Amino acid sequence: SESPWRVGLRVASDSGSAPPALSIPLPSGSLYYLLDDFNHKHEHAVIAGSNHLRYSSTHRVAREGRGTWQYIRDKCKSMT
């Protein structure tokens, strides 16, 4: 059977005493946003599901023009 794509999350820790990582399944077409300083204290990864190609992009600063979500989405759609 087909497996969904996932986002893997874990607490960034040098001590080795962090809680177990999470793997969260998401439906096709979904996106996620890390709020506030979540990205400073956690690590995340996109895990592709079966039979699918996934695009992943991390942006720390909102920009206009070529760096916007709309531009990136349109660029990805033009490649499929």
N, C-alpha and C. Protein backbone atom coordinates (compact mmCIF):
# COMPACT_ATOMS: atom_id res chain seq x y z
N SER A 1 0.83 -1.19 0.00
CA SER A 1 0.00 0.00 0.00
C SER A 1 0.87 1.24 0.00
N GLU A 2 0.28 2.34 -0.38
CA GLU A 2 1.00 3.60 -0.48
C GLU A 2 1.14 4.25 0.89
N SER A 3 2.33 4.74 1.19
CA SER A 3 2.54 5.43 2.46
C SER A 3 2.58 6.94 2.24
N PRO A 4 2.02 7.72 3.18
CA PRO A 4 1.98 9.18 3.02
C PRO A 4 3.36 9.79 3.26
N TRP A 5 3.53 11.03 2.83
CA TRP A 5 4.76 11.74 3.18
C TRP A 5 4.65 12.18 4.62
N ARG A 6 5.78 12.45 5.24
CA ARG A 6 5.81 12.74 6.66
C ARG A 6 6.76 13.90 6.96
N VAL A 7 6.53 14.51 8.09
CA VAL A 7 7.48 15.47 8.64
C VAL A 7 8.04 14.84 9.91
N GLY A 8 9.34 14.73 9.97
CA GLY A 8 10.01 14.23 11.17
C GLY A 8 10.43 15.41 12.02
N LEU A 9 10.15 15.35 13.31
CA LEU A 9 10.49 16.43 14.26
C LEU A 9 11.19 15.86 15.48
N ARG A 10 12.20 16.60 15.96
CA ARG A 10 12.83 16.22 17.22
C ARG A 10 13.41 17.46 17.88
N VAL A 11 13.57 17.37 19.19
CA VAL A 11 14.18 18.45 19.95
C VAL A 11 15.68 18.44 19.66
N ALA A 12 16.23 19.60 19.35
CA ALA A 12 17.67 19.71 19.12
C ALA A 12 18.35 19.64 20.48
N SER A 13 19.23 18.64 20.66
CA SER A 13 19.88 18.46 21.96
C SER A 13 21.28 17.92 21.77
N ASP A 14 22.22 18.50 22.47
CA ASP A 14 23.59 17.99 22.47
C ASP A 14 23.82 16.99 23.60
N SER A 15 22.90 16.97 24.56
CA SER A 15 23.10 16.13 25.74
C SER A 15 22.68 14.68 25.53
N GLY A 16 21.90 14.40 24.50
CA GLY A 16 21.45 13.04 24.27
C GLY A 16 20.25 12.64 25.11
N SER A 17 19.72 13.57 25.89
CA SER A 17 18.59 13.24 26.76
C SER A 17 17.26 13.76 26.22
N ALA A 18 17.20 14.04 24.93
CA ALA A 18 15.97 14.56 24.32
C ALA A 18 14.91 13.46 24.22
N PRO A 19 13.63 13.85 24.22
CA PRO A 19 12.56 12.86 24.04
C PRO A 19 12.63 12.25 22.64
N PRO A 20 11.96 11.13 22.42
CA PRO A 20 11.99 10.49 21.10
C PRO A 20 11.45 11.41 20.00
N ALA A 21 11.95 11.22 18.80
CA ALA A 21 11.50 12.00 17.64
C ALA A 21 10.08 11.59 17.25
N LEU A 22 9.40 12.48 16.55
CA LEU A 22 8.06 12.21 16.03
C LEU A 22 8.11 12.13 14.51
N SER A 23 7.24 11.32 13.94
CA SER A 23 7.07 11.24 12.50
C SER A 23 5.59 11.44 12.23
N ILE A 24 5.24 12.56 11.61
CA ILE A 24 3.84 12.95 11.45
C ILE A 24 3.41 12.80 9.99
N PRO A 25 2.45 11.90 9.69
CA PRO A 25 1.98 11.74 8.31
C PRO A 25 1.11 12.93 7.89
N LEU A 26 1.26 13.34 6.64
CA LEU A 26 0.47 14.45 6.09
C LEU A 26 -0.11 14.05 4.75
N PRO A 27 -1.33 14.52 4.46
CA PRO A 27 -1.92 14.20 3.16
C PRO A 27 -1.22 14.94 2.02
N SER A 28 -1.29 14.40 0.84
CA SER A 28 -0.69 15.02 -0.33
C SER A 28 -1.21 16.44 -0.50
N GLY A 29 -0.34 17.36 -0.88
CA GLY A 29 -0.72 18.74 -1.07
C GLY A 29 -0.62 19.60 0.17
N SER A 30 -0.26 18.99 1.29
CA SER A 30 -0.15 19.73 2.56
C SER A 30 1.15 20.51 2.61
N LEU A 31 1.14 21.51 3.48
CA LEU A 31 2.37 22.20 3.82
C LEU A 31 2.36 22.46 5.31
N TYR A 32 3.49 22.79 5.87
CA TYR A 32 3.56 23.05 7.30
C TYR A 32 4.40 24.29 7.56
N TYR A 33 4.17 24.89 8.69
CA TYR A 33 4.85 26.12 9.08
C TYR A 33 5.30 25.98 10.53
N LEU A 34 6.54 26.29 10.80
CA LEU A 34 7.06 26.23 12.17
C LEU A 34 6.90 27.59 12.82
N LEU A 35 6.11 27.66 13.87
CA LEU A 35 5.78 28.93 14.52
C LEU A 35 6.91 29.46 15.40
N ASP A 36 6.96 30.79 15.50
CA ASP A 36 7.85 31.51 16.41
C ASP A 36 9.28 30.96 16.36
N ASP A 37 9.82 30.58 17.51
CA ASP A 37 11.20 30.10 17.55
C ASP A 37 11.29 28.57 17.57
N PHE A 38 10.23 27.89 17.13
CA PHE A 38 10.22 26.43 17.11
C PHE A 38 11.44 25.88 16.36
N ASN A 39 11.78 26.51 15.24
CA ASN A 39 12.89 26.04 14.42
C ASN A 39 14.24 26.20 15.11
N HIS A 40 14.33 27.07 16.10
CA HIS A 40 15.59 27.28 16.81
C HIS A 40 15.84 26.17 17.83
N LYS A 41 14.78 25.51 18.28
CA LYS A 41 14.91 24.50 19.34
C LYS A 41 14.63 23.08 18.86
N HIS A 42 14.24 22.95 17.60
CA HIS A 42 13.87 21.64 17.06
C HIS A 42 14.51 21.44 15.69
N GLU A 43 14.66 20.19 15.32
CA GLU A 43 15.12 19.84 13.97
C GLU A 43 13.94 19.21 13.25
N HIS A 44 13.87 19.43 11.93
CA HIS A 44 12.78 18.84 11.16
C HIS A 44 13.31 18.33 9.82
N ALA A 45 12.60 17.36 9.28
CA ALA A 45 12.97 16.77 7.99
C ALA A 45 11.72 16.35 7.26
N VAL A 46 11.74 16.45 5.94
CA VAL A 46 10.66 15.96 5.10
C VAL A 46 11.03 14.55 4.67
N ILE A 47 10.10 13.62 4.87
CA ILE A 47 10.32 12.22 4.52
C ILE A 47 9.33 11.87 3.42
N ALA A 48 9.84 11.59 2.22
CA ALA A 48 8.98 11.31 1.07
C ALA A 48 8.24 10.00 1.27
N GLY A 49 6.97 9.98 0.87
CA GLY A 49 6.19 8.76 0.91
C GLY A 49 6.51 7.88 -0.29
N SER A 50 5.82 6.77 -0.41
CA SER A 50 6.07 5.85 -1.51
C SER A 50 5.54 6.42 -2.83
N ASN A 51 6.28 6.16 -3.88
CA ASN A 51 5.88 6.53 -5.24
C ASN A 51 5.66 8.01 -5.47
N HIS A 52 6.26 8.86 -4.68
CA HIS A 52 6.07 10.30 -4.87
C HIS A 52 7.39 11.04 -4.75
N LEU A 53 7.47 12.13 -5.46
CA LEU A 53 8.59 13.05 -5.35
C LEU A 53 8.12 14.22 -4.50
N ARG A 54 8.89 14.60 -3.51
CA ARG A 54 8.51 15.70 -2.62
C ARG A 54 9.53 16.82 -2.75
N TYR A 55 9.05 18.04 -2.75
CA TYR A 55 9.90 19.22 -2.75
C TYR A 55 9.91 19.79 -1.34
N SER A 56 11.07 20.16 -0.87
CA SER A 56 11.19 20.74 0.46
C SER A 56 12.00 22.02 0.37
N SER A 57 11.54 23.03 1.05
CA SER A 57 12.23 24.31 1.02
C SER A 57 12.04 25.00 2.37
N THR A 58 13.11 25.54 2.91
CA THR A 58 13.04 26.25 4.19
C THR A 58 13.36 27.71 3.94
N HIS A 59 12.51 28.58 4.44
CA HIS A 59 12.70 30.02 4.27
C HIS A 59 12.63 30.69 5.63
N ARG A 60 13.61 31.47 5.95
CA ARG A 60 13.65 32.14 7.24
C ARG A 60 13.15 33.58 7.17
N VAL A 61 13.15 34.16 6.00
CA VAL A 61 12.74 35.55 5.83
C VAL A 61 11.72 35.63 4.71
N ALA A 62 10.60 36.29 4.97
CA ALA A 62 9.61 36.47 3.91
C ALA A 62 10.11 37.54 2.94
N ARG A 63 10.01 37.27 1.67
CA ARG A 63 10.46 38.21 0.64
C ARG A 63 9.38 38.37 -0.40
N GLU A 64 9.51 39.37 -1.19
CA GLU A 64 8.57 39.59 -2.28
C GLU A 64 9.23 39.17 -3.59
N GLY A 65 8.41 38.88 -4.59
CA GLY A 65 8.96 38.53 -5.90
C GLY A 65 9.31 37.06 -6.00
N ARG A 66 10.56 36.77 -6.35
CA ARG A 66 10.98 35.40 -6.61
C ARG A 66 11.07 34.53 -5.36
N GLY A 67 11.05 35.11 -4.18
CA GLY A 67 11.19 34.32 -2.96
C GLY A 67 9.88 33.99 -2.27
N THR A 68 8.76 34.26 -2.90
CA THR A 68 7.47 34.05 -2.23
C THR A 68 6.98 32.62 -2.40
N TRP A 69 6.06 32.25 -1.53
CA TRP A 69 5.46 30.92 -1.62
C TRP A 69 4.74 30.76 -2.96
N GLN A 70 4.04 31.79 -3.39
CA GLN A 70 3.30 31.73 -4.67
C GLN A 70 4.26 31.46 -5.83
N TYR A 71 5.39 32.14 -5.87
CA TYR A 71 6.39 31.95 -6.92
C TYR A 71 6.91 30.52 -6.91
N ILE A 72 7.27 30.03 -5.71
CA ILE A 72 7.82 28.68 -5.59
C ILE A 72 6.79 27.64 -5.98
N ARG A 73 5.53 27.81 -5.54
CA ARG A 73 4.47 26.88 -5.90
C ARG A 73 4.27 26.83 -7.41
N ASP A 74 4.20 28.00 -8.04
CA ASP A 74 4.02 28.07 -9.49
C ASP A 74 5.19 27.43 -10.22
N LYS A 75 6.39 27.64 -9.72
CA LYS A 75 7.58 27.04 -10.34
C LYS A 75 7.52 25.52 -10.25
N CYS A 76 7.12 24.99 -9.10
CA CYS A 76 7.00 23.53 -8.94
C CYS A 76 5.91 22.97 -9.85
N LYS A 77 4.78 23.66 -9.95
CA LYS A 77 3.70 23.19 -10.82
C LYS A 77 4.11 23.18 -12.28
N SER A 78 4.94 24.14 -12.69
CA SER A 78 5.38 24.19 -14.08
C SER A 78 6.33 23.06 -14.43
N MET A 79 6.90 22.40 -13.42
CA MET A 79 7.83 21.30 -13.66
C MET A 79 7.15 19.94 -13.71
N THR A 80 5.87 19.90 -13.36
CA THR A 80 5.17 18.60 -13.34
C THR A 80 4.38 18.38 -14.60
